Amino acid sequence: MNKANTIKLSFFNKYERVHRRNVKIK
């Protein structure tokens, strides 16, 4: 479970970064 949580967090962070970039561009 710990590993899955870490992977989920990493993926979420990456997605959030992309989303923020899109918002900035818009």
Protein backbone atom coordinates (compact mmCIF):
# COMPACT_ATOMS: atom_id res chain seq x y z
CA MET A 1 0.00 0.00 0.00
CA ASN A 2 2.83 2.38 0.83
CA LYS A 3 4.38 1.91 -2.61
CA ALA A 4 1.04 2.46 -4.34
CA ASN A 5 0.47 5.62 -2.30
CA THR A 6 3.88 6.99 -3.28
CA ILE A 7 3.25 6.27 -6.95
CA LYS A 8 -0.19 7.88 -6.71
CA LEU A 9 1.30 10.98 -5.09
CA SER A 10 4.01 11.24 -7.73
CA PHE A 11 1.46 10.89 -10.53
CA PHE A 12 -0.85 13.45 -8.93
CA ASN A 13 2.01 15.93 -8.53
CA LYS A 14 2.95 15.53 -12.19
CA TYR A 15 -0.67 16.02 -13.26
CA GLU A 16 -1.05 19.07 -11.03
CA ARG A 17 2.08 20.61 -12.57
CA VAL A 18 0.72 20.13 -16.09
CA HIS A 19 -2.67 21.50 -15.07
CA ARG A 20 -1.09 24.59 -13.51
CA ARG A 21 0.94 25.17 -16.67
CA ASN A 22 -2.19 24.92 -18.81
CA VAL A 23 -3.96 27.42 -16.57
CA LYS A 24 -1.00 29.81 -16.81
CA ILE A 25 -0.97 29.55 -20.61
CA LYS A 26 -4.71 30.15 -20.74
